[in-house]
């Protein structure tokens, strides 16, 4: 049975002895393709986080310049009434799962 690094599939967020780390979820197909490239002694392609497995359809934008290696992640908000917003694509945790799906009043 083939083995792939599940920490890249599921992501991780942790802290220990003063050091913290965050690894975003990635598409398993991209991981497998890059492992095959490494086995064939080729350079791997750059991978970006992917949350599509959880049904999330927001936008992931890679940063450039001083912020290279980080991402802006945008969800979706539906303006139901003048004073009511519905968060249809709410915030994500570090491993790509939805934290909440709730209604919020505009202030």
N, C-alpha and C. Protein backbone atom coordinates (compact mmCIF):
# COMPACT_ATOMS: atom_id res chain seq x y z
N UNK A 1 0.84 -1.17 0.00
CA UNK A 1 0.00 0.00 0.00
C UNK A 1 0.90 1.25 0.00
N UNK A 2 0.66 2.18 -0.91
CA UNK A 2 1.46 3.41 -0.95
C UNK A 2 1.22 4.26 0.29
N UNK A 3 2.25 4.98 0.69
CA UNK A 3 2.17 5.84 1.87
C UNK A 3 2.47 7.26 1.45
N UNK A 4 1.63 8.19 1.89
CA UNK A 4 1.90 9.61 1.64
C UNK A 4 1.95 10.32 2.99
N UNK A 5 2.63 11.46 3.08
CA UNK A 5 2.72 12.18 4.36
C UNK A 5 1.38 12.80 4.74
N UNK A 6 0.68 12.16 5.67
CA UNK A 6 -0.66 12.58 6.06
C UNK A 6 -0.68 13.96 6.73
N UNK A 7 0.44 14.39 7.27
CA UNK A 7 0.47 15.72 7.87
C UNK A 7 0.24 16.80 6.80
N UNK A 8 0.64 16.52 5.56
CA UNK A 8 0.38 17.46 4.47
C UNK A 8 -1.07 17.38 4.00
N UNK A 9 -1.68 16.21 4.12
CA UNK A 9 -3.08 16.04 3.72
C UNK A 9 -4.01 16.70 4.74
N UNK A 10 -3.80 16.39 6.02
CA UNK A 10 -4.69 16.88 7.07
C UNK A 10 -4.29 18.23 7.65
N UNK A 11 -3.03 18.58 7.55
CA UNK A 11 -2.54 19.81 8.16
C UNK A 11 -2.30 19.62 9.64
N UNK A 12 -1.71 20.64 10.27
CA UNK A 12 -1.39 20.55 11.68
C UNK A 12 -1.20 21.95 12.24
N UNK A 13 -1.45 22.08 13.52
CA UNK A 13 -1.24 23.35 14.21
C UNK A 13 -0.80 22.99 15.62
N UNK A 14 0.38 23.44 16.03
CA UNK A 14 0.84 23.05 17.35
C UNK A 14 1.91 23.98 17.90
N UNK A 15 2.19 23.78 19.17
CA UNK A 15 3.24 24.55 19.84
C UNK A 15 3.92 23.62 20.84
N UNK A 16 5.21 23.78 20.94
CA UNK A 16 5.96 22.98 21.90
C UNK A 16 7.28 23.63 22.22
N UNK A 17 7.60 23.76 23.48
CA UNK A 17 8.85 24.33 23.95
C UNK A 17 9.17 25.68 23.30
N UNK A 18 8.14 26.52 23.19
CA UNK A 18 8.36 27.86 22.68
C UNK A 18 8.33 28.01 21.17
N UNK A 19 8.19 26.94 20.43
CA UNK A 19 8.15 26.99 18.98
C UNK A 19 6.77 26.59 18.50
N UNK A 20 6.23 27.34 17.56
CA UNK A 20 4.92 26.98 17.03
C UNK A 20 5.04 26.63 15.55
N UNK A 21 4.09 25.85 15.07
CA UNK A 21 4.09 25.50 13.65
C UNK A 21 2.66 25.41 13.16
N UNK A 22 2.48 25.77 11.90
CA UNK A 22 1.19 25.63 11.24
C UNK A 22 1.45 25.06 9.85
N UNK A 23 0.81 23.93 9.57
CA UNK A 23 0.91 23.30 8.25
C UNK A 23 -0.51 23.22 7.71
N UNK A 24 -0.76 23.87 6.58
CA UNK A 24 -2.10 23.87 5.98
C UNK A 24 -2.36 22.55 5.26
N UNK A 25 -3.63 22.23 5.06
CA UNK A 25 -4.02 21.03 4.29
C UNK A 25 -3.66 21.22 2.82
N UNK A 26 -3.27 20.13 2.17
CA UNK A 26 -2.93 20.15 0.74
C UNK A 26 -3.71 19.07 0.01
N UNK A 27 -3.84 19.23 -1.28
CA UNK A 27 -4.54 18.27 -2.13
C UNK A 27 -3.70 16.99 -2.24
N UNK A 28 -4.25 15.84 -1.86
CA UNK A 28 -3.49 14.58 -1.94
C UNK A 28 -2.95 14.28 -3.34
N UNK A 29 -3.68 14.68 -4.38
CA UNK A 29 -3.19 14.42 -5.75
C UNK A 29 -1.91 15.21 -6.04
N UNK A 30 -1.83 16.45 -5.54
CA UNK A 30 -0.61 17.24 -5.71
C UNK A 30 0.54 16.63 -4.93
N UNK A 31 0.26 16.14 -3.73
CA UNK A 31 1.30 15.51 -2.91
C UNK A 31 1.85 14.28 -3.62
N UNK A 32 0.96 13.43 -4.12
CA UNK A 32 1.38 12.21 -4.81
C UNK A 32 2.19 12.55 -6.07
N UNK A 33 1.73 13.55 -6.82
CA UNK A 33 2.46 13.94 -8.04
C UNK A 33 3.87 14.41 -7.69
N UNK A 34 4.02 15.17 -6.60
CA UNK A 34 5.35 15.64 -6.21
C UNK A 34 6.22 14.51 -5.67
N UNK A 35 5.63 13.54 -4.99
CA UNK A 35 6.41 12.39 -4.53
C UNK A 35 6.94 11.61 -5.74
N UNK A 36 6.11 11.46 -6.75
CA UNK A 36 6.56 10.77 -7.98
C UNK A 36 7.70 11.54 -8.65
N UNK A 37 7.59 12.88 -8.65
CA UNK A 37 8.67 13.69 -9.22
C UNK A 37 9.98 13.47 -8.45
N UNK A 38 9.88 13.46 -7.12
CA UNK A 38 11.09 13.24 -6.31
C UNK A 38 11.69 11.86 -6.55
N UNK A 39 10.85 10.84 -6.68
CA UNK A 39 11.33 9.48 -6.96
C UNK A 39 12.04 9.45 -8.30
N UNK A 40 11.52 10.21 -9.28
CA UNK A 40 12.13 10.27 -10.60
C UNK A 40 13.29 11.26 -10.67
N UNK A 41 13.72 11.77 -9.50
CA UNK A 41 14.84 12.72 -9.38
C UNK A 41 14.57 14.03 -10.11
N UNK A 42 13.28 14.45 -10.12
CA UNK A 42 12.88 15.73 -10.70
C UNK A 42 12.59 16.71 -9.58
N UNK A 43 12.56 17.99 -9.93
CA UNK A 43 12.22 19.03 -8.95
C UNK A 43 10.71 19.01 -8.69
N UNK A 44 10.29 19.07 -7.42
CA UNK A 44 8.85 19.12 -7.13
C UNK A 44 8.27 20.48 -7.50
N UNK A 45 6.98 20.50 -7.82
CA UNK A 45 6.29 21.76 -8.09
C UNK A 45 5.82 22.37 -6.77
N UNK A 46 5.68 23.68 -6.76
CA UNK A 46 5.22 24.37 -5.56
C UNK A 46 3.76 23.96 -5.28
N UNK A 47 3.47 23.72 -4.02
CA UNK A 47 2.11 23.35 -3.62
C UNK A 47 1.52 24.46 -2.77
N UNK A 48 0.23 24.66 -2.91
CA UNK A 48 -0.49 25.66 -2.13
C UNK A 48 -1.57 24.96 -1.32
N UNK A 49 -2.01 25.56 -0.21
CA UNK A 49 -3.07 24.93 0.59
C UNK A 49 -4.31 24.65 -0.24
N UNK A 50 -5.05 23.63 0.17
CA UNK A 50 -6.29 23.27 -0.50
C UNK A 50 -7.30 22.85 0.55
N UNK A 51 -8.47 23.46 0.53
CA UNK A 51 -9.52 23.12 1.48
C UNK A 51 -10.75 22.57 0.76
N UNK A 52 -10.62 22.21 -0.50
CA UNK A 52 -11.78 21.77 -1.30
C UNK A 52 -12.38 20.46 -0.79
N UNK A 53 -11.60 19.62 -0.12
CA UNK A 53 -12.13 18.35 0.39
C UNK A 53 -13.20 18.57 1.45
N UNK A 54 -13.14 19.71 2.15
CA UNK A 54 -14.15 20.00 3.18
C UNK A 54 -15.36 20.72 2.60
N UNK A 55 -15.39 20.92 1.28
CA UNK A 55 -16.51 21.60 0.64
C UNK A 55 -16.38 23.11 0.63
N UNK A 56 -15.26 23.61 1.08
CA UNK A 56 -15.03 25.05 1.14
C UNK A 56 -14.74 25.58 -0.27
N UNK A 57 -15.38 26.69 -0.64
CA UNK A 57 -15.20 27.22 -2.01
C UNK A 57 -14.69 28.65 -2.01
N UNK A 58 -14.08 29.08 -0.92
CA UNK A 58 -13.53 30.44 -0.86
C UNK A 58 -12.30 30.58 -1.75
N UNK A 59 -11.52 31.62 -1.50
CA UNK A 59 -10.38 31.94 -2.36
C UNK A 59 -9.09 31.93 -1.53
N UNK A 60 -8.03 31.34 -2.09
CA UNK A 60 -6.72 31.30 -1.45
C UNK A 60 -5.76 32.06 -2.36
N UNK A 61 -5.16 33.14 -1.83
CA UNK A 61 -4.30 34.00 -2.62
C UNK A 61 -2.88 33.96 -2.05
N UNK A 62 -1.90 33.44 -2.81
CA UNK A 62 -0.51 33.44 -2.33
C UNK A 62 0.02 34.87 -2.22
N UNK A 63 0.73 35.15 -1.13
CA UNK A 63 1.34 36.47 -0.94
C UNK A 63 2.69 36.51 -1.65
N UNK A 64 3.14 37.71 -1.95
CA UNK A 64 4.44 37.90 -2.59
C UNK A 64 5.26 38.90 -1.76
N UNK A 65 6.49 39.09 -2.17
CA UNK A 65 7.36 40.06 -1.48
C UNK A 65 7.74 39.59 -0.09
N UNK A 66 7.64 40.51 0.88
CA UNK A 66 8.04 40.17 2.26
C UNK A 66 7.16 39.09 2.88
N UNK A 67 5.93 38.96 2.39
CA UNK A 67 5.00 37.97 2.94
C UNK A 67 4.99 36.66 2.16
N UNK A 68 5.96 36.47 1.26
CA UNK A 68 5.99 35.25 0.46
C UNK A 68 6.01 34.02 1.36
N UNK A 69 5.24 33.02 1.01
CA UNK A 69 5.12 31.83 1.83
C UNK A 69 3.88 31.86 2.72
N UNK A 70 3.17 32.99 2.72
CA UNK A 70 1.91 33.07 3.47
C UNK A 70 0.77 33.32 2.48
N UNK A 71 -0.46 33.26 2.97
CA UNK A 71 -1.62 33.32 2.10
C UNK A 71 -2.70 34.21 2.70
N UNK A 72 -3.46 34.86 1.83
CA UNK A 72 -4.70 35.52 2.23
C UNK A 72 -5.82 34.56 1.87
N UNK A 73 -6.66 34.26 2.85
CA UNK A 73 -7.74 33.31 2.65
C UNK A 73 -9.06 34.03 2.83
N UNK A 74 -9.89 34.01 1.79
CA UNK A 74 -11.16 34.74 1.79
C UNK A 74 -12.33 33.77 1.76
N UNK A 75 -13.31 34.02 2.65
CA UNK A 75 -14.54 33.24 2.68
C UNK A 75 -15.63 34.01 1.94
N UNK A 76 -16.89 33.66 2.21
CA UNK A 76 -18.01 34.31 1.53
C UNK A 76 -19.04 34.76 2.56
N UNK A 77 -19.54 35.98 2.36
CA UNK A 77 -20.57 36.55 3.23
C UNK A 77 -21.75 36.95 2.36
N UNK A 78 -22.95 36.57 2.76
CA UNK A 78 -24.16 36.92 2.04
C UNK A 78 -24.88 38.01 2.83
N UNK A 79 -25.17 39.12 2.18
CA UNK A 79 -25.89 40.22 2.81
C UNK A 79 -27.39 39.93 2.72
N UNK A 80 -27.97 39.41 3.81
CA UNK A 80 -29.37 38.99 3.83
C UNK A 80 -30.29 40.20 3.93
N UNK A 81 -30.06 41.05 4.90
CA UNK A 81 -30.81 42.28 5.11
C UNK A 81 -29.81 43.41 5.33
N UNK A 82 -30.30 44.62 5.47
CA UNK A 82 -29.40 45.76 5.68
C UNK A 82 -28.59 45.59 6.96
N UNK A 83 -29.12 44.88 7.95
CA UNK A 83 -28.43 44.73 9.23
C UNK A 83 -28.07 43.29 9.56
N UNK A 84 -28.19 42.35 8.59
CA UNK A 84 -27.93 40.95 8.87
C UNK A 84 -27.03 40.35 7.80
N UNK A 85 -25.95 39.71 8.24
CA UNK A 85 -25.03 39.02 7.34
C UNK A 85 -25.08 37.53 7.63
N UNK A 86 -24.97 36.71 6.60
CA UNK A 86 -24.88 35.26 6.76
C UNK A 86 -23.51 34.82 6.26
N UNK A 87 -22.72 34.20 7.14
CA UNK A 87 -21.39 33.72 6.76
C UNK A 87 -21.54 32.33 6.16
N UNK A 88 -21.64 32.26 4.84
CA UNK A 88 -21.84 30.97 4.18
C UNK A 88 -20.53 30.19 4.04
N UNK A 89 -19.42 30.88 4.03
CA UNK A 89 -18.10 30.25 3.99
C UNK A 89 -17.29 30.92 5.08
N UNK A 90 -17.36 30.39 6.29
CA UNK A 90 -16.75 31.04 7.43
C UNK A 90 -15.27 30.71 7.54
N UNK A 91 -14.66 31.20 8.59
CA UNK A 91 -13.22 31.04 8.82
C UNK A 91 -12.83 29.58 8.87
N UNK A 92 -11.58 29.34 8.54
CA UNK A 92 -11.03 27.99 8.57
C UNK A 92 -10.02 27.90 9.69
N UNK A 93 -9.91 26.73 10.29
CA UNK A 93 -8.83 26.51 11.24
C UNK A 93 -7.58 26.18 10.45
N UNK A 94 -6.47 25.96 11.13
CA UNK A 94 -5.20 25.71 10.45
C UNK A 94 -5.23 24.45 9.61
N UNK A 95 -6.07 23.48 9.96
CA UNK A 95 -6.08 22.24 9.17
C UNK A 95 -7.20 22.19 8.15
N UNK A 96 -7.86 23.33 7.90
CA UNK A 96 -8.79 23.40 6.79
C UNK A 96 -10.23 23.07 7.11
N UNK A 97 -10.57 22.80 8.34
CA UNK A 97 -11.95 22.50 8.69
C UNK A 97 -12.67 23.77 9.11
N UNK A 98 -13.95 23.83 8.82
CA UNK A 98 -14.75 24.98 9.23
C UNK A 98 -14.81 25.06 10.74
N UNK A 99 -14.62 26.25 11.28
CA UNK A 99 -14.75 26.44 12.72
C UNK A 99 -16.21 26.65 13.06
N UNK A 100 -16.88 27.55 12.36
CA UNK A 100 -18.28 27.83 12.65
C UNK A 100 -19.03 28.12 11.36
N UNK A 101 -20.31 28.02 11.44
CA UNK A 101 -21.21 28.46 10.39
C UNK A 101 -22.33 29.15 11.15
N UNK A 102 -22.35 30.47 11.12
CA UNK A 102 -23.28 31.19 11.97
C UNK A 102 -23.79 32.44 11.30
N UNK A 103 -24.82 33.03 11.88
CA UNK A 103 -25.34 34.31 11.43
C UNK A 103 -24.78 35.38 12.35
N UNK A 104 -24.52 36.55 11.80
CA UNK A 104 -23.92 37.63 12.56
C UNK A 104 -24.59 38.94 12.21
N UNK A 105 -24.83 39.79 13.18
CA UNK A 105 -25.42 41.11 12.94
C UNK A 105 -24.31 42.11 12.65
N UNK A 106 -24.57 42.99 11.72
CA UNK A 106 -23.62 44.04 11.37
C UNK A 106 -23.72 45.15 12.43
N UNK A 107 -22.59 45.71 12.85
CA UNK A 107 -22.60 46.80 13.85
C UNK A 107 -22.14 48.08 13.25
